[in-house]
């Protein structure tokens, strides 16, 4: 029983020991793997650093060789550019010479054209002055002729109106006088006839009345009949006179109306004469205003003519001064151009002499790197870097810029 218990107690102990052994082995393996990983990392880092140093060195060598190749290519391009620039400079100098000659010719032609234009301008101005003077003379003569014609026409019209007014006034006075005389005569005759007829009838009636009263007092009816007959005969006898009186009355009214109409016509004629006089006075005032305005316009035109003459004098003086300045400037320009041409000819002669004195090496390589000082090299570099103004140089620069960018890339 005791052995069994011991064997049972020893079994758990052996299991625990195995577990501990396995754990220790696992830990040892982990440490060994970690050590191997660290060694591999250090090895890879060292190898990467060596690769980077070798790549940097190789890249430096490649850049150095590439720069050497680019310098050689750039040297060739610069030599070609120098040759092209020398040819271009020669052509540009020839163009400049031809331009200077053409400018001198154009200057002479311009001077001749200016002189001819000045002469034609002065001649045209004289012609314009003559035309203006003749035009003013013609206008003045026309104005005087029109003024005289208007005066004569107004005077004739005034005389005609006055004569017509006198004739109509005389006629109206005669008509009024004749009408008044006729009216007075007719009125007096009618009045006399009426009074005489009335007196006669009155007298007869009184006599008959007295006679009938004295002799025929008893014969009232007979007398009344006689009276009625006498009354009827009186009425019949005075009927014509009554009709004549009514006719004369109507004629008097008609004459009155005619007198009133003639008076109205006379008033109208007087108003017309007054209006005509007013129109004549207005025409005279208007003609005086027109004369004054024409005189003022004439004075203003004369003032403008004087101002134009003064302006012409000033313009002539200014043109003469400008011509003198232009002459002096052109002579100075010709002298300067002559000096430039002389200097260019001297430079060309010197260049020919220098070309004759050049050696073979100078003909092949005319410019040495050490032939210029440092300041001269900087000036030459600045000149090369400046933007060219000649069209050919600009085209050449535009052609070179893409190629330089390509080679730099």
Protein backbone atom coordinates (compact mmCIF):
# COMPACT_ATOMS: atom_id res chain seq x y z
CA UNK A 1 0.00 0.00 0.00
CA UNK A 2 2.81 2.38 0.79
CA UNK A 3 4.60 1.57 -2.55
CA UNK A 4 1.48 2.37 -4.46
CA UNK A 5 1.20 5.69 -2.66
CA UNK A 6 4.81 6.53 -3.41
CA UNK A 7 4.45 5.66 -7.10
CA UNK A 8 1.34 7.82 -7.24
CA UNK A 9 3.22 10.80 -5.64
CA UNK A 10 6.29 10.39 -7.93
CA UNK A 11 4.20 10.52 -11.14
CA UNK A 12 3.11 14.17 -10.71
CA UNK A 13 6.66 15.14 -9.87
CA UNK A 14 8.00 13.65 -13.13
CA UNK A 15 5.32 15.48 -15.16
CA UNK A 16 6.25 18.80 -13.62
CA UNK A 17 9.93 18.24 -14.31
CA UNK A 18 9.15 17.48 -17.98
CA UNK A 19 7.15 20.67 -18.29
CA UNK A 20 9.95 22.70 -16.76
CA UNK A 21 12.45 21.12 -19.12
CA UNK A 22 10.30 21.87 -22.13
CA UNK A 23 9.87 25.48 -21.04
CA UNK A 24 13.61 25.95 -20.54
CA UNK A 25 14.28 24.48 -23.98
CA UNK A 26 11.69 26.82 -25.57
CA UNK A 27 13.26 29.81 -23.87
CA UNK A 28 16.71 28.81 -25.05
CA UNK A 29 15.44 28.40 -28.61
CA UNK A 30 13.78 31.85 -28.49
CA UNK A 31 16.98 33.48 -27.24
CA UNK A 32 18.98 31.77 -29.94
CA UNK A 33 16.48 32.88 -32.66
CA UNK A 34 16.58 36.44 -31.33
CA UNK A 35 20.37 36.42 -31.39
CA UNK A 36 20.38 35.11 -34.97
CA UNK A 37 17.85 37.81 -36.03
CA UNK A 38 19.95 40.58 -34.52
CA UNK A 39 23.07 39.27 -36.25
CA UNK A 40 21.20 39.07 -39.58
CA UNK A 41 19.87 42.65 -39.13
CA UNK A 42 23.38 43.99 -38.43
CA UNK A 43 24.69 42.15 -41.46
CA UNK A 44 21.96 43.55 -43.72
CA UNK A 45 22.50 47.07 -42.36
CA UNK A 46 26.24 46.83 -43.04
CA UNK A 47 25.61 45.50 -46.53
CA UNK A 48 23.04 48.31 -47.22
CA UNK A 49 25.52 50.96 -46.05
CA UNK A 50 28.22 49.50 -48.32
CA UNK A 51 25.78 49.45 -51.24
CA UNK A 52 24.80 53.09 -50.60
CA UNK A 53 28.46 54.19 -50.42
CA UNK A 54 29.28 52.32 -53.63
CA UNK A 55 26.19 53.71 -55.40
CA UNK A 56 27.07 57.27 -54.29
CA UNK A 57 30.62 56.83 -55.55
CA UNK A 58 29.46 55.36 -58.85
CA UNK A 59 26.89 58.16 -59.25
CA UNK A 60 29.61 60.75 -58.61
CA UNK A 61 31.81 59.11 -61.22
CA UNK A 62 28.94 59.00 -63.72
CA UNK A 63 28.14 62.69 -63.11
CA UNK A 64 31.80 63.62 -63.54
CA UNK A 65 32.04 61.73 -66.83
CA UNK A 66 28.69 63.19 -68.01
CA UNK A 67 29.85 66.71 -67.18
CA UNK A 68 33.04 66.09 -69.14
CA UNK A 69 31.01 64.94 -72.14
CA UNK A 70 28.65 67.93 -71.80
CA UNK A 71 31.60 70.32 -71.59
CA UNK A 72 33.05 68.92 -74.80
CA UNK A 73 29.67 69.18 -76.55
CA UNK A 74 29.16 72.70 -75.17
CA UNK A 75 32.66 73.70 -76.33
CA UNK A 76 31.84 72.54 -79.85
CA UNK A 77 28.51 74.37 -79.82
CA UNK A 78 30.13 77.55 -78.53
CA UNK A 79 32.76 77.44 -81.26
CA UNK A 80 30.06 76.96 -83.87
CA UNK A 81 28.05 79.82 -82.31
CA UNK A 82 31.12 82.08 -82.40
CA UNK A 83 31.61 81.37 -86.09
CA UNK A 84 27.91 81.98 -86.75
CA UNK A 85 28.03 85.18 -84.68
CA UNK A 86 31.04 86.45 -86.62
CA UNK A 87 29.26 85.81 -89.93
CA UNK A 88 26.08 87.32 -88.52
CA UNK A 89 28.03 90.38 -87.33
CA UNK A 90 29.51 90.83 -90.79
CA UNK A 91 26.07 90.58 -92.39
CA UNK A 92 24.58 92.94 -89.81
CA UNK A 93 27.37 95.46 -90.48
CA UNK A 94 26.64 95.24 -94.20
CA UNK A 95 22.92 95.72 -93.51
CA UNK A 96 23.67 98.68 -91.25
CA UNK A 97 25.85 100.26 -93.96
CA UNK A 98 23.10 99.80 -96.54
CA UNK A 99 20.51 101.17 -94.09
CA UNK A 100 22.72 104.21 -93.39
CA UNK A 101 23.11 104.86 -97.11
CA UNK A 102 19.37 104.46 -97.69
CA UNK A 103 18.64 106.76 -94.73
CA UNK A 104 20.99 109.40 -96.15
CA UNK A 105 19.24 109.10 -99.52
CA UNK A 106 15.82 109.26 -97.83
CA UNK A 107 16.97 112.31 -95.86
CA UNK A 108 17.96 114.14 -99.04
CA UNK A 109 14.68 113.15 -100.71
CA UNK A 110 12.76 114.25 -97.61
CA UNK A 111 14.52 117.63 -97.66
CA UNK A 112 13.62 118.07 -101.32
CA UNK A 113 10.02 116.99 -100.67
CA UNK A 114 9.81 119.35 -97.69
CA UNK A 115 11.07 122.27 -99.77
CA UNK A 116 8.66 121.42 -102.58
CA UNK A 117 5.76 121.02 -100.12
CA UNK A 118 6.65 124.34 -98.49
CA UNK A 119 6.66 126.10 -101.86
CA UNK A 120 3.34 124.52 -102.85
CA UNK A 121 1.89 125.38 -99.42
CA UNK A 122 2.90 129.04 -99.74
CA UNK A 123 1.56 129.17 -103.30
CA UNK A 124 -1.76 127.63 -102.17
CA UNK A 125 -2.01 130.11 -99.30
CA UNK A 126 -1.46 133.03 -101.70
CA UNK A 127 -4.11 131.60 -104.03
CA UNK A 128 -6.51 131.18 -101.11
CA UNK A 129 -5.92 134.77 -100.05
CA UNK A 130 -6.59 135.99 -103.58
CA UNK A 131 -9.76 133.86 -103.79
CA UNK A 132 -10.92 135.13 -100.39
CA UNK A 133 -10.29 138.75 -101.42
CA UNK A 134 -12.13 138.29 -104.72
CA UNK A 135 -14.98 136.52 -102.89
CA UNK A 136 -15.26 139.36 -100.37
CA UNK A 137 -15.25 141.90 -103.22
CA UNK A 138 -17.98 140.00 -105.07
CA UNK A 139 -20.05 139.67 -101.90
CA UNK A 140 -19.69 143.37 -101.15
CA UNK A 141 -20.69 144.33 -104.71
CA UNK A 142 -23.65 141.94 -104.61
CA UNK A 143 -24.70 143.32 -101.24
CA UNK A 144 -24.49 146.92 -102.49
CA UNK A 145 -26.47 146.01 -105.63
CA UNK A 146 -29.14 144.24 -103.60
CA UNK A 147 -29.29 147.14 -101.15
CA UNK A 148 -29.77 149.67 -103.98
CA UNK A 149 -32.41 147.45 -105.60
CA UNK A 150 -34.27 147.10 -102.30
CA UNK A 151 -34.11 150.85 -101.71
CA UNK A 152 -35.43 151.57 -105.21
CA UNK A 153 -38.16 148.95 -104.83
CA UNK A 154 -39.20 150.29 -101.42
CA UNK A 155 -39.22 153.88 -102.71
CA UNK A 156 -41.34 152.91 -105.76
CA UNK A 157 -43.73 150.94 -103.57
CA UNK A 158 -43.95 153.84 -101.13
CA UNK A 159 -44.74 156.31 -103.96
CA UNK A 160 -47.33 153.90 -105.40
CA UNK A 161 -49.02 153.46 -102.02
CA UNK A 162 -49.03 157.22 -101.35
CA UNK A 163 -50.49 157.97 -104.81
CA UNK A 164 -53.16 155.30 -104.40
CA UNK A 165 -53.96 156.67 -100.94
CA UNK A 166 -54.34 160.20 -102.33
CA UNK A 167 -56.58 159.01 -105.17
CA UNK A 168 -58.78 156.95 -102.86
CA UNK A 169 -58.96 159.80 -100.33
CA UNK A 170 -60.05 162.28 -103.05
CA UNK A 171 -62.61 159.81 -104.35
CA UNK A 172 -63.99 159.17 -100.89
CA UNK A 173 -64.18 162.89 -100.13
CA UNK A 174 -66.00 163.48 -103.44
CA UNK A 175 -68.38 160.59 -102.76
CA UNK A 176 -69.12 161.85 -99.23
CA UNK A 177 -69.66 165.42 -100.44
CA UNK A 178 -71.96 164.31 -103.29
CA UNK A 179 -73.92 162.05 -100.94
CA UNK A 180 -74.38 164.82 -98.39
CA UNK A 181 -75.44 167.31 -101.07
CA UNK A 182 -77.89 164.83 -102.61
CA UNK A 183 -79.32 163.96 -99.23
CA UNK A 184 -79.71 167.60 -98.22
CA UNK A 185 -81.32 168.50 -101.55
CA UNK A 186 -83.79 165.59 -101.46
CA UNK A 187 -84.60 166.23 -97.82
CA UNK A 188 -85.19 169.93 -98.41
CA UNK A 189 -87.40 169.27 -101.47
CA UNK A 190 -89.45 166.65 -99.64
CA UNK A 191 -89.84 168.90 -96.64
CA UNK A 192 -90.95 171.85 -98.81
CA UNK A 193 -93.42 169.70 -100.75
CA UNK A 194 -94.85 168.24 -97.60
CA UNK A 195 -95.22 171.62 -95.91
CA UNK A 196 -96.79 173.22 -98.99
CA UNK A 197 -99.22 170.34 -99.47
CA UNK A 198 -100.09 170.41 -95.78
CA UNK A 199 -100.65 174.15 -95.83
CA UNK A 200 -102.76 173.96 -98.98
CA UNK A 201 -104.90 171.19 -97.61
CA UNK A 202 -105.24 172.97 -94.31
CA UNK A 203 -106.21 176.21 -95.98
CA UNK A 204 -108.72 174.54 -98.29
CA UNK A 205 -110.29 172.61 -95.46
CA UNK A 206 -110.62 175.73 -93.36
CA UNK A 207 -112.18 177.64 -96.26
CA UNK A 208 -114.57 174.82 -97.02
CA UNK A 209 -115.34 174.46 -93.39
CA UNK A 210 -116.12 178.16 -93.01
CA UNK A 211 -118.05 178.22 -96.28
CA UNK A 212 -120.08 175.20 -95.30
CA UNK A 213 -120.73 176.64 -91.89
CA UNK A 214 -121.83 179.99 -93.33
CA UNK A 215 -123.76 178.95 -96.41
CA UNK A 216 -124.64 175.30 -95.99
CA UNK A 217 -125.43 175.04 -92.33
CA UNK A 218 -128.58 173.10 -93.14
CA UNK A 219 -127.00 170.84 -95.64
CA UNK A 220 -124.86 168.85 -93.21
CA UNK A 221 -125.32 165.53 -94.86
CA UNK A 222 -124.56 166.94 -98.30
CA UNK A 223 -121.55 168.68 -96.95
CA UNK A 224 -120.59 165.58 -95.06
CA UNK A 225 -120.68 163.67 -98.27
CA UNK A 226 -118.73 166.42 -99.98
CA UNK A 227 -116.36 166.35 -97.08
CA UNK A 228 -115.96 162.62 -97.40
CA UNK A 229 -115.38 163.01 -101.12
CA UNK A 230 -112.95 165.83 -100.47
CA UNK A 231 -111.25 163.65 -97.86
CA UNK A 232 -111.02 160.80 -100.28
CA UNK A 233 -109.73 163.07 -103.00
CA UNK A 234 -107.19 164.46 -100.53
CA UNK A 235 -106.15 161.00 -99.59
CA UNK A 236 -105.82 160.04 -103.20
CA UNK A 237 -103.97 163.30 -103.97
CA UNK A 238 -101.53 162.87 -101.06
CA UNK A 239 -101.01 159.13 -101.61
CA UNK A 240 -98.34 159.75 -104.28
CA UNK A 241 -96.60 162.29 -102.06
CA UNK A 242 -96.70 159.83 -99.15
CA UNK A 243 -95.20 157.11 -101.34
CA UNK A 244 -92.57 159.55 -102.57
CA UNK A 245 -91.82 160.49 -98.93
CA UNK A 246 -91.42 156.83 -97.96
CA UNK A 247 -89.15 156.29 -100.99
CA UNK A 248 -87.10 159.32 -100.05
CA UNK A 249 -86.93 158.02 -96.48
CA UNK A 250 -85.71 154.63 -97.68
CA UNK A 251 -83.22 156.35 -99.98
CA UNK A 252 -82.00 158.42 -97.03
CA UNK A 253 -81.44 155.23 -94.98
CA UNK A 254 -79.62 153.64 -97.92
CA UNK A 255 -77.45 156.73 -98.31
CA UNK A 256 -76.71 156.64 -94.56
CA UNK A 257 -75.63 153.01 -94.83
CA UNK A 258 -73.47 153.83 -97.86
CA UNK A 259 -71.89 156.71 -95.96
CA UNK A 260 -71.18 154.40 -93.03
CA UNK A 261 -69.68 151.79 -95.38
CA UNK A 262 -67.59 154.44 -97.10
CA UNK A 263 -66.46 155.70 -93.69
CA UNK A 264 -65.50 152.12 -92.70
CA UNK A 265 -63.62 151.71 -95.96
CA UNK A 266 -61.91 155.04 -95.34
CA UNK A 267 -60.98 153.86 -91.82
CA UNK A 268 -59.68 150.59 -93.26
CA UNK A 269 -57.64 152.49 -95.82
CA UNK A 270 -56.26 154.71 -93.08
CA UNK A 271 -55.40 151.61 -91.02
CA UNK A 272 -53.79 150.06 -94.11
CA UNK A 273 -51.79 153.24 -94.68
CA UNK A 274 -50.72 153.21 -91.02
CA UNK A 275 -49.75 149.51 -91.24
CA UNK A 276 -47.91 150.17 -94.50
CA UNK A 277 -46.02 153.02 -92.86
CA UNK A 278 -45.19 150.71 -89.95
CA UNK A 279 -43.98 148.02 -92.39
CA UNK A 280 -41.88 150.59 -94.22
CA UNK A 281 -40.38 151.74 -90.91
CA UNK A 282 -39.79 148.07 -89.92
CA UNK A 283 -38.17 147.40 -93.29
CA UNK A 284 -35.99 150.45 -92.83
CA UNK A 285 -35.01 149.31 -89.33
CA UNK A 286 -34.35 145.77 -90.56
CA UNK A 287 -32.28 147.10 -93.46
CA UNK A 288 -30.33 149.24 -91.02
CA UNK A 289 -29.81 146.19 -88.79
CA UNK A 290 -28.71 144.14 -91.80
CA UNK A 291 -26.33 146.91 -92.84
CA UNK A 292 -24.91 147.09 -89.34
CA UNK A 293 -24.63 143.29 -89.15
CA UNK A 294 -22.96 143.15 -92.57
CA UNK A 295 -20.54 145.87 -91.50
CA UNK A 296 -19.79 143.92 -88.31
CA UNK A 297 -19.30 140.71 -90.34
CA UNK A 298 -17.03 142.60 -92.71
CA UNK A 299 -15.00 143.91 -89.77
CA UNK A 300 -14.84 140.42 -88.21
CA UNK A 301 -13.76 138.94 -91.56
CA UNK A 302 -11.08 141.61 -91.86
CA UNK A 303 -9.95 140.83 -88.30
CA UNK A 304 -9.88 137.10 -89.10
CA UNK A 305 -7.93 137.87 -92.27
CA UNK A 306 -5.44 139.90 -90.25
CA UNK A 307 -5.19 137.09 -87.68
CA UNK A 308 -4.68 134.57 -90.49
CA UNK A 309 -1.94 136.77 -91.94
CA UNK A 310 -0.27 136.95 -88.51
CA UNK A 311 -0.62 133.18 -88.10
CA UNK A 312 0.85 132.70 -91.58
CA UNK A 313 3.75 134.92 -90.67
CA UNK A 314 4.28 132.98 -87.45
CA UNK A 315 3.93 129.67 -89.31
CA UNK A 316 6.44 130.84 -91.91
CA UNK A 317 8.84 131.90 -89.17
CA UNK A 318 8.33 128.59 -87.36
CA UNK A 319 8.76 126.63 -90.60
CA UNK A 320 11.89 128.64 -91.41
CA UNK A 321 13.28 127.92 -87.93
CA UNK A 322 12.33 124.24 -88.22
CA UNK A 323 13.95 124.10 -91.65
CA UNK A 324 17.09 125.71 -90.27
CA UNK A 325 17.16 123.28 -87.34
CA UNK A 326 16.49 120.36 -89.67
CA UNK A 327 19.30 121.54 -91.95
CA UNK A 328 21.74 121.82 -89.05
CA UNK A 329 20.61 118.47 -87.64
CA UNK A 330 20.87 116.82 -91.05
CA UNK A 331 24.34 118.27 -91.57
CA UNK A 332 25.33 117.09 -88.08
CA UNK A 333 23.84 113.65 -88.83
CA UNK A 334 25.72 113.50 -92.14
CA UNK A 335 28.95 114.42 -90.36
CA UNK A 336 28.30 111.80 -87.66
CA UNK A 337 27.49 109.21 -90.32
CA UNK A 338 30.64 110.16 -92.18
CA UNK A 339 32.65 109.70 -88.99
CA UNK A 340 30.95 106.34 -88.36
CA UNK A 341 31.62 105.24 -91.94
CA UNK A 342 35.22 106.37 -91.65
CA UNK A 343 35.58 104.52 -88.35
CA UNK A 344 34.00 101.38 -89.84
CA UNK A 345 36.30 101.59 -92.86
CA UNK A 346 39.27 101.99 -90.54
CA UNK A 347 38.07 98.98 -88.50
CA UNK A 348 37.67 96.96 -91.68
CA UNK A 349 41.16 97.95 -92.83
CA UNK A 350 42.55 97.02 -89.43
CA UNK A 351 40.65 93.73 -89.57
CA UNK A 352 42.12 93.02 -93.02
CA UNK A 353 45.60 93.85 -91.74
CA UNK A 354 45.08 91.66 -88.65
CA UNK A 355 43.77 88.83 -90.85
CA UNK A 356 46.88 89.06 -92.96
CA UNK A 357 49.08 88.93 -89.83
CA UNK A 358 47.26 85.93 -88.28
CA UNK A 359 49.14 82.66 -87.81
CA UNK A 360 47.78 79.27 -88.71
CA UNK A 361 47.02 78.54 -85.07
CA UNK A 362 45.13 81.83 -84.71
CA UNK A 363 43.17 81.08 -87.87
CA UNK A 364 42.16 77.70 -86.42
CA UNK A 365 41.61 78.97 -82.82
CA UNK A 366 41.33 82.77 -82.92
CA UNK A 367 40.42 83.26 -79.22
CA UNK A 368 42.40 81.90 -76.27
CA UNK A 369 40.87 81.35 -72.84
CA UNK A 370 43.59 83.52 -71.27
CA UNK A 371 43.49 86.31 -73.85
CA UNK A 372 40.90 88.28 -71.84
CA UNK A 373 41.14 89.53 -68.29
CA UNK A 374 38.62 88.57 -65.66
CA UNK A 375 36.68 91.89 -65.92
CA UNK A 376 36.62 91.63 -69.72
CA UNK A 377 35.38 88.06 -69.47
CA UNK A 378 32.58 89.21 -67.13
CA UNK A 379 31.65 92.03 -69.54
CA UNK A 380 31.62 89.56 -72.42
CA UNK A 381 29.44 87.19 -70.40
CA UNK A 382 27.00 90.06 -69.63
CA UNK A 383 26.86 90.99 -73.29
CA UNK A 384 26.15 87.37 -74.23
CA UNK A 385 23.44 87.14 -71.57
CA UNK A 386 21.68 90.31 -72.75
CA UNK A 387 18.55 89.99 -74.86
CA UNK A 388 19.51 90.62 -78.50
CA UNK A 389 17.66 93.28 -80.52
CA UNK A 390 18.52 92.02 -84.03
CA UNK A 391 15.95 89.65 -85.57
CA UNK A 392 18.60 87.12 -86.64
CA UNK A 393 20.18 87.03 -83.18
CA UNK A 394 16.76 86.59 -81.58
CA UNK A 395 15.98 83.67 -83.87
CA UNK A 396 19.40 82.18 -83.07
CA UNK A 397 18.80 82.60 -79.33
CA UNK A 398 15.35 80.98 -79.57
CA UNK A 399 16.92 78.10 -81.52
CA UNK A 400 19.66 77.64 -78.92
CA UNK A 401 17.48 77.83 -75.78
CA UNK A 402 15.59 74.52 -76.31
CA UNK A 403 18.82 72.73 -77.15
CA UNK A 404 20.56 74.05 -73.98
CA UNK A 405 17.59 72.99 -71.87
CA UNK A 406 17.71 69.54 -73.45
CA UNK A 407 21.45 69.16 -72.85
CA UNK A 408 21.11 70.40 -69.23
CA UNK A 409 18.36 67.84 -68.65
